Amino acid sequence: MKQESEVTGHSTRAGAATAPESSEDDLRRYGISTEERVSYLWNGYRYSNAGDAIAAAKRAAR
């Protein structure tokens, strides 16, 4: 089985989930790639935007 980085051209992190081998073939065939995204965690909530996380923390500090 090929590693995700070989299929997508992206590096992988330790423990990152990979697609089953049959899905890897489909991903390659259709030119589908993966991307990693940064998340911001605060007080049990996950934000995709740093500004939203900061605004929530500021509101809570009032």
PDB file of N, CA and C in Angstrom:
ATOM      1  N   MET A   1       0.849  -1.182   0.000  1.00  0.00           N
ATOM      2  CA  MET A   1       0.000   0.000   0.000  1.00  0.00           C
ATOM      3  C   MET A   1       0.889   1.237   0.000  1.00  0.00           C
ATOM      4  N   LYS A   2       0.581   2.198  -0.850  1.00  0.00           N
ATOM      5  CA  LYS A   2       1.364   3.411  -0.926  1.00  0.00           C
ATOM      6  C   LYS A   2       0.970   4.353   0.196  1.00  0.00           C
ATOM      7  N   GLN A   3       1.935   5.171   0.618  1.00  0.00           N
ATOM      8  CA  GLN A   3       1.645   6.173   1.625  1.00  0.00           C
ATOM      9  C   GLN A   3       0.881   7.318   0.990  1.00  0.00           C
ATOM     10  N   GLU A   4       0.154   8.060   1.811  1.00  0.00           N
ATOM     11  CA  GLU A   4      -0.646   9.178   1.329  1.00  0.00           C
ATOM     12  C   GLU A   4       0.209  10.178   0.558  1.00  0.00           C
ATOM     13  N   SER A   5       1.438  10.418   1.003  1.00  0.00           N
ATOM     14  CA  SER A   5       2.283  11.396   0.332  1.00  0.00           C
ATOM     15  C   SER A   5       2.596  10.977  -1.096  1.00  0.00           C
ATOM     16  N   GLU A   6       2.661   9.677  -1.355  1.00  0.00           N
ATOM     17  CA  GLU A   6       2.909   9.199  -2.710  1.00  0.00           C
ATOM     18  C   GLU A   6       1.680   9.388  -3.586  1.00  0.00           C
ATOM     19  N   VAL A   7       0.503   9.305  -2.987  1.00  0.00           N
ATOM     20  CA  VAL A   7      -0.733   9.427  -3.739  1.00  0.00           C
ATOM     21  C   VAL A   7      -1.033  10.887  -4.037  1.00  0.00           C
ATOM     22  N   THR A   8      -0.860  11.746  -3.050  1.00  0.00           N
ATOM     23  CA  THR A   8      -1.304  13.126  -3.184  1.00  0.00           C
ATOM     24  C   THR A   8      -0.193  14.116  -3.461  1.00  0.00           C
ATOM     25  N   GLY A   9       1.053  13.717  -3.200  1.00  0.00           N
ATOM     26  CA  GLY A   9       2.146  14.655  -3.345  1.00  0.00           C
ATOM     27  C   GLY A   9       2.310  15.552  -2.136  1.00  0.00           C
ATOM     28  N   HIS A  10       1.581  15.269  -1.058  1.00  0.00           N
ATOM     29  CA  HIS A  10       1.668  16.053   0.167  1.00  0.00           C
ATOM     30  C   HIS A  10       2.336  15.212   1.238  1.00  0.00           C
ATOM     31  N   SER A  11       2.965  15.898   2.188  1.00  0.00           N
ATOM     32  CA  SER A  11       3.570  15.170   3.295  1.00  0.00           C
ATOM     33  C   SER A  11       2.488  14.727   4.259  1.00  0.00           C
ATOM     34  N   THR A  12       2.782  13.714   5.035  1.00  0.00           N
ATOM     35  CA  THR A  12       1.822  13.227   6.015  1.00  0.00           C
ATOM     36  C   THR A  12       2.408  13.400   7.400  1.00  0.00           C
ATOM     37  N   ARG A  13       1.535  13.518   8.386  1.00  0.00           N
ATOM     38  CA  ARG A  13       1.957  13.577   9.775  1.00  0.00           C
ATOM     39  C   ARG A  13       1.803  12.193  10.365  1.00  0.00           C
ATOM     40  N   ALA A  14       2.579  11.924  11.405  1.00  0.00           N
ATOM     41  CA  ALA A  14       2.464  10.632  12.083  1.00  0.00           C
ATOM     42  C   ALA A  14       1.041  10.470  12.582  1.00  0.00           C
ATOM     43  N   GLY A  15       0.455   9.319  12.328  1.00  0.00           N
ATOM     44  CA  GLY A  15      -0.883   9.029  12.808  1.00  0.00           C
ATOM     45  C   GLY A  15      -1.986   9.581  11.933  1.00  0.00           C
ATOM     46  N   ALA A  16      -1.631  10.260  10.855  1.00  0.00           N
ATOM     47  CA  ALA A  16      -2.664  10.801   9.971  1.00  0.00           C
ATOM     48  C   ALA A  16      -3.400   9.654   9.286  1.00  0.00           C
ATOM     49  N   ALA A  17      -4.700   9.802   9.156  1.00  0.00           N
ATOM     50  CA  ALA A  17      -5.503   8.761   8.506  1.00  0.00           C
ATOM     51  C   ALA A  17      -5.233   8.755   7.006  1.00  0.00           C
ATOM     52  N   THR A  18      -5.213   7.578   6.431  1.00  0.00           N
ATOM     53  CA  THR A  18      -5.054   7.467   4.985  1.00  0.00           C
ATOM     54  C   THR A  18      -6.261   6.751   4.419  1.00  0.00           C
ATOM     55  N   ALA A  19      -6.511   6.980   3.153  1.00  0.00           N
ATOM     56  CA  ALA A  19      -7.649   6.349   2.486  1.00  0.00           C
ATOM     57  C   ALA A  19      -7.343   4.889   2.219  1.00  0.00           C
ATOM     58  N   PRO A  20      -8.374   4.030   2.200  1.00  0.00           N
ATOM     59  CA  PRO A  20      -8.148   2.629   1.803  1.00  0.00           C
ATOM     60  C   PRO A  20      -7.539   2.585   0.409  1.00  0.00           C
ATOM     61  N   GLU A  21      -6.812   1.514   0.109  1.00  0.00           N
ATOM     62  CA  GLU A  21      -6.088   1.421  -1.158  1.00  0.00           C
ATOM     63  C   GLU A  21      -6.994   1.628  -2.372  1.00  0.00           C
ATOM     64  N   SER A  22      -8.204   1.074  -2.364  1.00  0.00           N
ATOM     65  CA  SER A  22      -9.100   1.260  -3.507  1.00  0.00           C
ATOM     66  C   SER A  22      -9.479   2.733  -3.657  1.00  0.00           C
ATOM     67  N   SER A  23      -9.655   3.439  -2.546  1.00  0.00           N
ATOM     68  CA  SER A  23      -9.952   4.866  -2.599  1.00  0.00           C
ATOM     69  C   SER A  23      -8.756   5.651  -3.099  1.00  0.00           C
ATOM     70  N   GLU A  24      -7.549   5.235  -2.743  1.00  0.00           N
ATOM     71  CA  GLU A  24      -6.343   5.910  -3.214  1.00  0.00           C
ATOM     72  C   GLU A  24      -6.274   5.890  -4.733  1.00  0.00           C
ATOM     73  N   ASP A  25      -6.646   4.761  -5.334  1.00  0.00           N
ATOM     74  CA  ASP A  25      -6.658   4.665  -6.800  1.00  0.00           C
ATOM     75  C   ASP A  25      -7.642   5.665  -7.389  1.00  0.00           C
ATOM     76  N   ASP A  26      -8.831   5.762  -6.801  1.00  0.00           N
ATOM     77  CA  ASP A  26      -9.825   6.712  -7.284  1.00  0.00           C
ATOM     78  C   ASP A  26      -9.359   8.153  -7.092  1.00  0.00           C
ATOM     79  N   LEU A  27      -8.742   8.441  -5.954  1.00  0.00           N
ATOM     80  CA  LEU A  27      -8.232   9.794  -5.725  1.00  0.00           C
ATOM     81  C   LEU A  27      -7.232  10.178  -6.807  1.00  0.00           C
ATOM     82  N   ARG A  28      -6.321   9.298  -7.089  1.00  0.00           N
ATOM     83  CA  ARG A  28      -5.303   9.546  -8.116  1.00  0.00           C
ATOM     84  C   ARG A  28      -5.961   9.673  -9.495  1.00  0.00           C
ATOM     85  N   ARG A  29      -6.862   8.766  -9.816  1.00  0.00           N
ATOM     86  CA  ARG A  29      -7.520   8.748 -11.127  1.00  0.00           C
ATOM     87  C   ARG A  29      -8.255  10.059 -11.406  1.00  0.00           C
ATOM     88  N   TYR A  30      -8.938  10.600 -10.390  1.00  0.00           N
ATOM     89  CA  TYR A  30      -9.750  11.787 -10.592  1.00  0.00           C
ATOM     90  C   TYR A  30      -9.029  13.080 -10.203  1.00  0.00           C
ATOM     91  N   GLY A  31      -7.755  12.976  -9.865  1.00  0.00           N
ATOM     92  CA  GLY A  31      -6.980  14.176  -9.539  1.00  0.00           C
ATOM     93  C   GLY A  31      -7.414  14.861  -8.260  1.00  0.00           C
ATOM     94  N   ILE A  32      -7.855  14.066  -7.290  1.00  0.00           N
ATOM     95  CA  ILE A  32      -8.302  14.610  -6.008  1.00  0.00           C
ATOM     96  C   ILE A  32      -7.120  14.600  -5.046  1.00  0.00           C
ATOM     97  N   SER A  33      -6.878  15.731  -4.416  1.00  0.00           N
ATOM     98  CA  SER A  33      -5.770  15.816  -3.476  1.00  0.00           C
ATOM     99  C   SER A  33      -6.291  16.175  -2.087  1.00  0.00           C
ATOM    100  N   THR A  34      -5.445  16.050  -1.105  1.00  0.00           N
ATOM    101  CA  THR A  34      -5.795  16.394   0.267  1.00  0.00           C
ATOM    102  C   THR A  34      -5.078  17.683   0.644  1.00  0.00           C
ATOM    103  N   GLU A  35      -5.572  18.327   1.664  1.00  0.00           N
ATOM    104  CA  GLU A  35      -4.872  19.479   2.211  1.00  0.00           C
ATOM    105  C   GLU A  35      -5.071  19.481   3.716  1.00  0.00           C
ATOM    106  N   GLU A  36      -4.048  19.921   4.389  1.00  0.00           N
ATOM    107  CA  GLU A  36      -4.135  20.035   5.841  1.00  0.00           C
ATOM    108  C   GLU A  36      -4.594  21.439   6.175  1.00  0.00           C
ATOM    109  N   ARG A  37      -5.387  21.560   7.191  1.00  0.00           N
ATOM    110  CA  ARG A  37      -5.881  22.864   7.616  1.00  0.00           C
ATOM    111  C   ARG A  37      -5.537  23.088   9.072  1.00  0.00           C
ATOM    112  N   VAL A  38      -5.302  24.322   9.389  1.00  0.00           N
ATOM    113  CA  VAL A  38      -5.024  24.705  10.762  1.00  0.00           C
ATOM    114  C   VAL A  38      -6.342  24.911  11.479  1.00  0.00           C
ATOM    115  N   SER A  39      -6.431  24.437  12.718  1.00  0.00           N
ATOM    116  CA  SER A  39      -7.591  24.726  13.555  1.00  0.00           C
ATOM    117  C   SER A  39      -7.089  25.403  14.813  1.00  0.00           C
ATOM    118  N   TYR A  40      -7.940  26.234  15.345  1.00  0.00           N
ATOM    119  CA  TYR A  40      -7.645  26.956  16.576  1.00  0.00           C
ATOM    120  C   TYR A  40      -8.595  26.433  17.635  1.00  0.00           C
ATOM    121  N   LEU A  41      -8.042  25.919  18.724  1.00  0.00           N
ATOM    122  CA  LEU A  41      -8.848  25.329  19.790  1.00  0.00           C
ATOM    123  C   LEU A  41      -8.851  26.263  20.986  1.00  0.00           C
ATOM    124  N   TRP A  42     -10.043  26.537  21.498  1.00  0.00           N
ATOM    125  CA  TRP A  42     -10.171  27.346  22.699  1.00  0.00           C
ATOM    126  C   TRP A  42     -11.392  26.876  23.469  1.00  0.00           C
ATOM    127  N   ASN A  43     -11.184  26.577  24.724  1.00  0.00           N
ATOM    128  CA  ASN A  43     -12.275  26.253  25.652  1.00  0.00           C
ATOM    129  C   ASN A  43     -13.208  25.164  25.117  1.00  0.00           C
ATOM    130  N   GLY A  44     -12.639  24.174  24.460  1.00  0.00           N
ATOM    131  CA  GLY A  44     -13.434  23.063  23.967  1.00  0.00           C
ATOM    132  C   GLY A  44     -14.065  23.293  22.606  1.00  0.00           C
ATOM    133  N   TYR A  45     -13.831  24.454  22.007  1.00  0.00           N
ATOM    134  CA  TYR A  45     -14.389  24.770  20.688  1.00  0.00           C
ATOM    135  C   TYR A  45     -13.270  24.795  19.648  1.00  0.00           C
ATOM    136  N   ARG A  46     -13.607  24.440  18.444  1.00  0.00           N
ATOM    137  CA  ARG A  46     -12.645  24.419  17.340  1.00  0.00           C
ATOM    138  C   ARG A  46     -13.053  25.507  16.341  1.00  0.00           C
ATOM    139  N   TYR A  47     -12.077  26.336  15.967  1.00  0.00           N
ATOM    140  CA  TYR A  47     -12.304  27.417  15.014  1.00  0.00           C
ATOM    141  C   TYR A  47     -11.375  27.241  13.820  1.00  0.00           C
ATOM    142  N   SER A  48     -11.854  27.564  12.640  1.00  0.00           N
ATOM    143  CA  SER A  48     -11.008  27.511  11.448  1.00  0.00           C
ATOM    144  C   SER A  48     -10.393  28.877  11.162  1.00  0.00           C
ATOM    145  N   ASN A  49     -10.839  29.882  11.875  1.00  0.00           N
ATOM    146  CA  ASN A  49     -10.371  31.236  11.681  1.00  0.00           C
ATOM    147  C   ASN A  49      -9.833  31.762  13.007  1.00  0.00           C
ATOM    148  N   ALA A  50      -8.590  32.266  13.017  1.00  0.00           N
ATOM    149  CA  ALA A  50      -7.970  32.761  14.250  1.00  0.00           C
ATOM    150  C   ALA A  50      -8.764  33.922  14.832  1.00  0.00           C
ATOM    151  N   GLY A  51      -9.277  34.796  13.979  1.00  0.00           N
ATOM    152  CA  GLY A  51     -10.039  35.947  14.458  1.00  0.00           C
ATOM    153  C   GLY A  51     -11.279  35.547  15.222  1.00  0.00           C
ATOM    154  N   ASP A  52     -11.946  34.493  14.774  1.00  0.00           N
ATOM    155  CA  ASP A  52     -13.139  34.006  15.476  1.00  0.00           C
ATOM    156  C   ASP A  52     -12.772  33.457  16.852  1.00  0.00           C
ATOM    157  N   ALA A  53     -11.665  32.735  16.934  1.00  0.00           N
ATOM    158  CA  ALA A  53     -11.223  32.179  18.216  1.00  0.00           C
ATOM    159  C   ALA A  53     -10.865  33.300  19.188  1.00  0.00           C
ATOM    160  N   ILE A  54     -10.174  34.309  18.688  1.00  0.00           N
ATOM    161  CA  ILE A  54      -9.788  35.440  19.534  1.00  0.00           C
ATOM    162  C   ILE A  54     -11.023  36.204  19.994  1.00  0.00           C
ATOM    163  N   ALA A  55     -11.969  36.427  19.088  1.00  0.00           N
ATOM    164  CA  ALA A  55     -13.205  37.154  19.464  1.00  0.00           C
ATOM    165  C   ALA A  55     -13.974  36.401  20.537  1.00  0.00           C
ATOM    166  N   ALA A  56     -14.057  35.085  20.419  1.00  0.00           N
ATOM    167  CA  ALA A  56     -14.764  34.288  21.429  1.00  0.00           C
ATOM    168  C   ALA A  56     -14.066  34.389  22.782  1.00  0.00           C
ATOM    169  N   ALA A  57     -12.756  34.317  22.774  1.00  0.00           N
ATOM    170  CA  ALA A  57     -11.997  34.404  24.028  1.00  0.00           C
ATOM    171  C   ALA A  57     -12.157  35.788  24.655  1.00  0.00           C
ATOM    172  N   LYS A  58     -12.160  36.836  23.841  1.00  0.00           N
ATOM    173  CA  LYS A  58     -12.349  38.201  24.359  1.00  0.00           C
ATOM    174  C   LYS A  58     -13.739  38.371  24.953  1.00  0.00           C
ATOM    175  N   ARG A  59     -14.760  37.816  24.270  1.00  0.00           N
ATOM    176  CA  ARG A  59     -16.124  37.924  24.811  1.00  0.00           C
ATOM    177  C   ARG A  59     -16.216  37.230  26.162  1.00  0.00           C
ATOM    178  N   ALA A  60     -15.558  36.103  26.287  1.00  0.00           N
ATOM    179  CA  ALA A  60     -15.608  35.324  27.539  1.00  0.00           C
ATOM    180  C   ALA A  60     -14.861  36.039  28.670  1.00  0.00           C
ATOM    181  N   ALA A  61     -13.875  36.855  28.303  1.00  0.00           N
ATOM    182  CA  ALA A  61     -13.065  37.544  29.316  1.00  0.00           C
ATOM    183  C   ALA A  61     -13.794  38.738  29.930  1.00  0.00           C
ATOM    184  N   ARG A  62     -14.900  39.160  29.332  1.00  0.00           N
ATOM    185  CA  ARG A  62     -15.636  40.333  29.855  1.00  0.00           C
ATOM    186  C   ARG A  62     -16.303  40.036  31.153  1.00  0.00           C
TER     187      ARG A  62
END
